[in-house]
Amino acid sequence: MARHSTDSGLSEHDRSVLERREEHGWFVMMIAEDEKGPSFAYTFGVCEEFKHPELIIYGLDPRDMHRVLNNAGKLIRAGTSYQDGDVIHDLLEGYPCAVRSVNPSWYPKTCTWTLWFYQQASFPALQLVWPDKNGRFPWDTGFDESLRSKQPHLSQPPPSA
């Protein structure tokens, strides 16, 4: 069961975030790059509102990631559906995005607000993966190795700490 701005016991901040989620249908949470890893952004509310997997993207400029997720949310609202294996051309200007399922074992390390929003209930998520300047994805031969650390591979369980 998802949280709502009318739930009791919420902080003012939580209530404000949920009100914005309710207004738009989803919320984009931005996480800054730090010593643990690259910047990333993810949604919560897409599954609740549109019965579509939540979305996550890594390693781009935060404004670009926010724009990509909001554009995807608008397309989902209009009826578009993304699934594992898709390659989409209308989200990242000049480049395609590949869509990959996210292994739920990544959720505690990535989409913590989404876990909070769904109150730890099960939900699906998809990673939007971008290519290098030559159009190669991380799994392609010749991918620019300097970019590999910008996009963790979320379809497999995370490495043990």
C-alpha atoms as a PDB file:
ATOM      1  CA  MET A   1       0.000   0.000   0.000  1.00  0.00           C
ATOM      2  CA  ALA A   2       1.419   3.356  -1.030  1.00  0.00           C
ATOM      3  CA  ARG A   3       1.693   6.398   1.188  1.00  0.00           C
ATOM      4  CA  HIS A   4      -0.437   9.503   0.621  1.00  0.00           C
ATOM      5  CA  SER A   5      -0.173  13.096   1.773  1.00  0.00           C
ATOM      6  CA  THR A   6      -3.250  12.587   3.956  1.00  0.00           C
ATOM      7  CA  ASP A   7      -1.604   9.798   6.004  1.00  0.00           C
ATOM      8  CA  SER A   8      -1.172  10.602   9.669  1.00  0.00           C
ATOM      9  CA  GLY A   9       2.225  10.963  11.304  1.00  0.00           C
ATOM     10  CA  LEU A  10       4.049  12.463   8.314  1.00  0.00           C
ATOM     11  CA  SER A  11       6.605  15.231   8.657  1.00  0.00           C
ATOM     12  CA  GLU A  12       5.930  18.474   6.776  1.00  0.00           C
ATOM     13  CA  HIS A  13       8.705  17.554   4.333  1.00  0.00           C
ATOM     14  CA  ASP A  14       7.249  14.102   3.664  1.00  0.00           C
ATOM     15  CA  ARG A  15       3.761  15.562   3.230  1.00  0.00           C
ATOM     16  CA  SER A  16       5.124  18.160   0.767  1.00  0.00           C
ATOM     17  CA  VAL A  17       6.924  15.487  -1.285  1.00  0.00           C
ATOM     18  CA  LEU A  18       3.791  13.334  -1.374  1.00  0.00           C
ATOM     19  CA  GLU A  19       1.636  16.298  -2.401  1.00  0.00           C
ATOM     20  CA  ARG A  20       3.971  16.959  -5.339  1.00  0.00           C
ATOM     21  CA  ARG A  21       3.865  13.245  -6.213  1.00  0.00           C
ATOM     22  CA  GLU A  22       0.075  13.317  -6.169  1.00  0.00           C
ATOM     23  CA  GLU A  23      -0.027  16.462  -8.310  1.00  0.00           C
ATOM     24  CA  HIS A  24       2.179  15.006 -11.068  1.00  0.00           C
ATOM     25  CA  GLY A  25       1.653  11.256 -10.681  1.00  0.00           C
ATOM     26  CA  TRP A  26       5.288  10.589  -9.756  1.00  0.00           C
ATOM     27  CA  PHE A  27       8.206  12.182  -7.960  1.00  0.00           C
ATOM     28  CA  VAL A  28      11.833  12.248  -9.140  1.00  0.00           C
ATOM     29  CA  MET A  29      14.391  11.801  -6.378  1.00  0.00           C
ATOM     30  CA  MET A  30      17.911  12.994  -7.178  1.00  0.00           C
ATOM     31  CA  ILE A  31      20.997  11.548  -5.478  1.00  0.00           C
ATOM     32  CA  ALA A  32      24.303  13.405  -5.808  1.00  0.00           C
ATOM     33  CA  GLU A  33      27.561  11.716  -6.726  1.00  0.00           C
ATOM     34  CA  ASP A  34      29.694  10.881  -3.701  1.00  0.00           C
ATOM     35  CA  GLU A  35      32.583   8.621  -2.705  1.00  0.00           C
ATOM     36  CA  LYS A  36      30.229   5.615  -2.878  1.00  0.00           C
ATOM     37  CA  GLY A  37      29.176   6.121  -6.475  1.00  0.00           C
ATOM     38  CA  PRO A  38      27.821   8.208  -9.328  1.00  0.00           C
ATOM     39  CA  SER A  39      24.819  10.486  -9.239  1.00  0.00           C
ATOM     40  CA  PHE A  40      21.466   8.932 -10.057  1.00  0.00           C
ATOM     41  CA  ALA A  41      17.782   9.677 -10.134  1.00  0.00           C
ATOM     42  CA  TYR A  42      14.715   7.529  -9.701  1.00  0.00           C
ATOM     43  CA  THR A  43      10.958   7.766  -9.575  1.00  0.00           C
ATOM     44  CA  PHE A  44       8.316   6.799  -7.129  1.00  0.00           C
ATOM     45  CA  GLY A  45       4.602   6.815  -7.816  1.00  0.00           C
ATOM     46  CA  VAL A  46       4.725   5.586 -11.429  1.00  0.00           C
ATOM     47  CA  CYS A  47       3.702   2.074 -10.403  1.00  0.00           C
ATOM     48  CA  GLU A  48       0.949   3.313  -8.079  1.00  0.00           C
ATOM     49  CA  GLU A  49      -0.450   5.812 -10.577  1.00  0.00           C
ATOM     50  CA  PHE A  50       0.050   4.055 -13.922  1.00  0.00           C
ATOM     51  CA  LYS A  51       0.721   0.372 -13.089  1.00  0.00           C
ATOM     52  CA  HIS A  52       4.125   0.755 -14.756  1.00  0.00           C
ATOM     53  CA  PRO A  53       7.557  -0.087 -13.301  1.00  0.00           C
ATOM     54  CA  GLU A  54       9.414   2.686 -11.523  1.00  0.00           C
ATOM     55  CA  LEU A  55      12.438   4.125 -13.364  1.00  0.00           C
ATOM     56  CA  ILE A  56      16.070   4.763 -12.427  1.00  0.00           C
ATOM     57  CA  ILE A  57      18.942   6.327 -14.361  1.00  0.00           C
ATOM     58  CA  TYR A  58      22.608   6.861 -13.454  1.00  0.00           C
ATOM     59  CA  GLY A  59      25.612   8.965 -14.264  1.00  0.00           C
ATOM     60  CA  LEU A  60      24.354  11.914 -16.310  1.00  0.00           C
ATOM     61  CA  ASP A  61      24.086  15.557 -15.347  1.00  0.00           C
ATOM     62  CA  PRO A  62      21.349  15.768 -12.679  1.00  0.00           C
ATOM     63  CA  ARG A  63      19.245  18.144 -14.804  1.00  0.00           C
ATOM     64  CA  ASP A  64      19.394  15.696 -17.712  1.00  0.00           C
ATOM     65  CA  MET A  65      18.394  12.744 -15.528  1.00  0.00           C
ATOM     66  CA  HIS A  66      15.498  14.735 -14.056  1.00  0.00           C
ATOM     67  CA  ARG A  67      14.347  15.715 -17.558  1.00  0.00           C
ATOM     68  CA  VAL A  68      14.638  12.128 -18.873  1.00  0.00           C
ATOM     69  CA  LEU A  69      12.557  10.714 -16.014  1.00  0.00           C
ATOM     70  CA  ASN A  70       9.936  13.444 -16.276  1.00  0.00           C
ATOM     71  CA  ASN A  71       9.683  12.939 -20.045  1.00  0.00           C
ATOM     72  CA  ALA A  72       9.324   9.191 -19.498  1.00  0.00           C
ATOM     73  CA  GLY A  73       6.629   9.851 -16.878  1.00  0.00           C
ATOM     74  CA  LYS A  74       4.695  12.032 -19.318  1.00  0.00           C
ATOM     75  CA  LEU A  75       4.924   9.369 -22.018  1.00  0.00           C
ATOM     76  CA  ILE A  76       3.802   6.680 -19.560  1.00  0.00           C
ATOM     77  CA  ARG A  77       0.875   8.876 -18.520  1.00  0.00           C
ATOM     78  CA  ALA A  78      -0.042   9.095 -22.235  1.00  0.00           C
ATOM     79  CA  GLY A  79      -0.010   5.298 -22.563  1.00  0.00           C
ATOM     80  CA  THR A  80       3.578   4.368 -23.436  1.00  0.00           C
ATOM     81  CA  SER A  81       4.887   1.277 -21.707  1.00  0.00           C
ATOM     82  CA  TYR A  82       8.546   0.324 -21.312  1.00  0.00           C
ATOM     83  CA  GLN A  83       9.838  -3.154 -20.643  1.00  0.00           C
ATOM     84  CA  ASP A  84      13.101  -5.004 -20.269  1.00  0.00           C
ATOM     85  CA  GLY A  85      14.970  -5.143 -23.565  1.00  0.00           C
ATOM     86  CA  ASP A  86      13.405  -2.060 -25.147  1.00  0.00           C
ATOM     87  CA  VAL A  87      15.599   0.536 -26.831  1.00  0.00           C
ATOM     88  CA  ILE A  88      13.887   3.917 -26.859  1.00  0.00           C
ATOM     89  CA  HIS A  89      14.846   6.960 -28.898  1.00  0.00           C
ATOM     90  CA  ASP A  90      12.665   9.743 -27.513  1.00  0.00           C
ATOM     91  CA  LEU A  91      14.075  10.322 -24.023  1.00  0.00           C
ATOM     92  CA  LEU A  92      17.733  11.349 -24.347  1.00  0.00           C
ATOM     93  CA  GLU A  93      18.394  13.900 -27.060  1.00  0.00           C
ATOM     94  CA  GLY A  94      20.574  12.392 -29.767  1.00  0.00           C
ATOM     95  CA  TYR A  95      20.990   9.002 -28.084  1.00  0.00           C
ATOM     96  CA  PRO A  96      18.908   5.920 -27.446  1.00  0.00           C
ATOM     97  CA  CYS A  97      18.261   4.508 -23.971  1.00  0.00           C
ATOM     98  CA  ALA A  98      18.173   0.793 -23.323  1.00  0.00           C
ATOM     99  CA  VAL A  99      15.730  -0.514 -20.737  1.00  0.00           C
ATOM    100  CA  ARG A 100      16.773  -3.196 -18.249  1.00  0.00           C
ATOM    101  CA  SER A 101      14.946  -4.742 -15.299  1.00  0.00           C
ATOM    102  CA  VAL A 102      16.328  -3.865 -11.872  1.00  0.00           C
ATOM    103  CA  ASN A 103      16.998  -6.715  -9.479  1.00  0.00           C
ATOM    104  CA  PRO A 104      15.073  -5.875  -6.256  1.00  0.00           C
ATOM    105  CA  SER A 105      18.191  -6.594  -4.186  1.00  0.00           C
ATOM    106  CA  TRP A 106      19.439  -3.176  -5.423  1.00  0.00           C
ATOM    107  CA  TYR A 107      16.465  -1.289  -3.964  1.00  0.00           C
ATOM    108  CA  PRO A 108      17.936  -0.654  -0.485  1.00  0.00           C
ATOM    109  CA  LYS A 109      21.037   0.867  -2.128  1.00  0.00           C
ATOM    110  CA  THR A 110      19.218   2.862  -4.782  1.00  0.00           C
ATOM    111  CA  CYS A 111      15.533   3.707  -4.479  1.00  0.00           C
ATOM    112  CA  THR A 112      15.071   4.137  -0.736  1.00  0.00           C
ATOM    113  CA  TRP A 113      12.261   6.686  -1.077  1.00  0.00           C
ATOM    114  CA  THR A 114      10.419   4.288  -3.358  1.00  0.00           C
ATOM    115  CA  LEU A 115      10.718   1.592  -0.681  1.00  0.00           C
ATOM    116  CA  TRP A 116       9.398   4.115   1.856  1.00  0.00           C
ATOM    117  CA  PHE A 117       6.568   5.178  -0.466  1.00  0.00           C
ATOM    118  CA  TYR A 118       5.384   1.597  -1.057  1.00  0.00           C
ATOM    119  CA  GLN A 119       5.992   0.744   2.606  1.00  0.00           C
ATOM    120  CA  GLN A 120       8.432  -2.033   1.665  1.00  0.00           C
ATOM    121  CA  ALA A 121       5.854  -3.722  -0.594  1.00  0.00           C
ATOM    122  CA  SER A 122       7.006  -5.299  -3.824  1.00  0.00           C
ATOM    123  CA  PHE A 123       7.204  -3.116  -6.946  1.00  0.00           C
ATOM    124  CA  PRO A 124       8.974  -3.454 -10.308  1.00  0.00           C
ATOM    125  CA  ALA A 125      11.693  -1.069 -11.518  1.00  0.00           C
ATOM    126  CA  LEU A 126      13.506  -0.479 -14.791  1.00  0.00           C
ATOM    127  CA  GLN A 127      16.917   1.059 -15.385  1.00  0.00           C
ATOM    128  CA  LEU A 128      17.388   3.441 -18.302  1.00  0.00           C
ATOM    129  CA  VAL A 129      20.899   2.856 -19.666  1.00  0.00           C
ATOM    130  CA  TRP A 130      22.607   5.340 -21.968  1.00  0.00           C
ATOM    131  CA  PRO A 131      25.344   4.639 -24.509  1.00  0.00           C
ATOM    132  CA  ASP A 132      28.764   6.205 -25.008  1.00  0.00           C
ATOM    133  CA  LYS A 133      29.293   8.855 -27.706  1.00  0.00           C
ATOM    134  CA  ASN A 134      29.707   6.086 -30.295  1.00  0.00           C
ATOM    135  CA  GLY A 135      26.301   4.595 -29.458  1.00  0.00           C
ATOM    136  CA  ARG A 136      27.711   1.578 -27.599  1.00  0.00           C
ATOM    137  CA  PHE A 137      26.038   0.367 -24.428  1.00  0.00           C
ATOM    138  CA  PRO A 138      28.025  -0.951 -21.445  1.00  0.00           C
ATOM    139  CA  TRP A 139      27.528  -4.560 -22.618  1.00  0.00           C
ATOM    140  CA  ASP A 140      28.729  -3.802 -26.161  1.00  0.00           C
ATOM    141  CA  THR A 141      32.265  -4.497 -27.376  1.00  0.00           C
ATOM    142  CA  GLY A 142      34.213  -1.257 -27.582  1.00  0.00           C
ATOM    143  CA  PHE A 143      32.155   0.611 -24.967  1.00  0.00           C
ATOM    144  CA  ASP A 144      34.100   3.573 -23.545  1.00  0.00           C
ATOM    145  CA  GLU A 145      35.611   2.042 -20.387  1.00  0.00           C
ATOM    146  CA  SER A 146      35.981   5.464 -18.743  1.00  0.00           C
ATOM    147  CA  LEU A 147      32.161   5.541 -18.445  1.00  0.00           C
ATOM    148  CA  ARG A 148      31.663   2.054 -16.979  1.00  0.00           C
ATOM    149  CA  SER A 149      31.638   3.236 -13.353  1.00  0.00           C
ATOM    150  CA  LYS A 150      28.899   5.795 -14.148  1.00  0.00           C
ATOM    151  CA  GLN A 151      26.203   3.118 -14.641  1.00  0.00           C
ATOM    152  CA  PRO A 152      26.102   0.105 -12.348  1.00  0.00           C
ATOM    153  CA  HIS A 153      24.534  -2.974 -13.899  1.00  0.00           C
ATOM    154  CA  LEU A 154      21.324  -3.286 -11.820  1.00  0.00           C
ATOM    155  CA  SER A 155      19.795  -6.378 -13.442  1.00  0.00           C
ATOM    156  CA  GLN A 156      22.058  -8.671 -11.433  1.00  0.00           C
ATOM    157  CA  PRO A 157      22.360  -8.677  -7.614  1.00  0.00           C
ATOM    158  CA  PRO A 158      24.868  -6.164  -6.263  1.00  0.00           C
ATOM    159  CA  PRO A 159      28.344  -7.432  -5.414  1.00  0.00           C
ATOM    160  CA  SER A 160      28.798  -8.434  -1.800  1.00  0.00           C
ATOM    161  CA  ALA A 161      30.219  -5.700   0.388  1.00  0.00           C
END
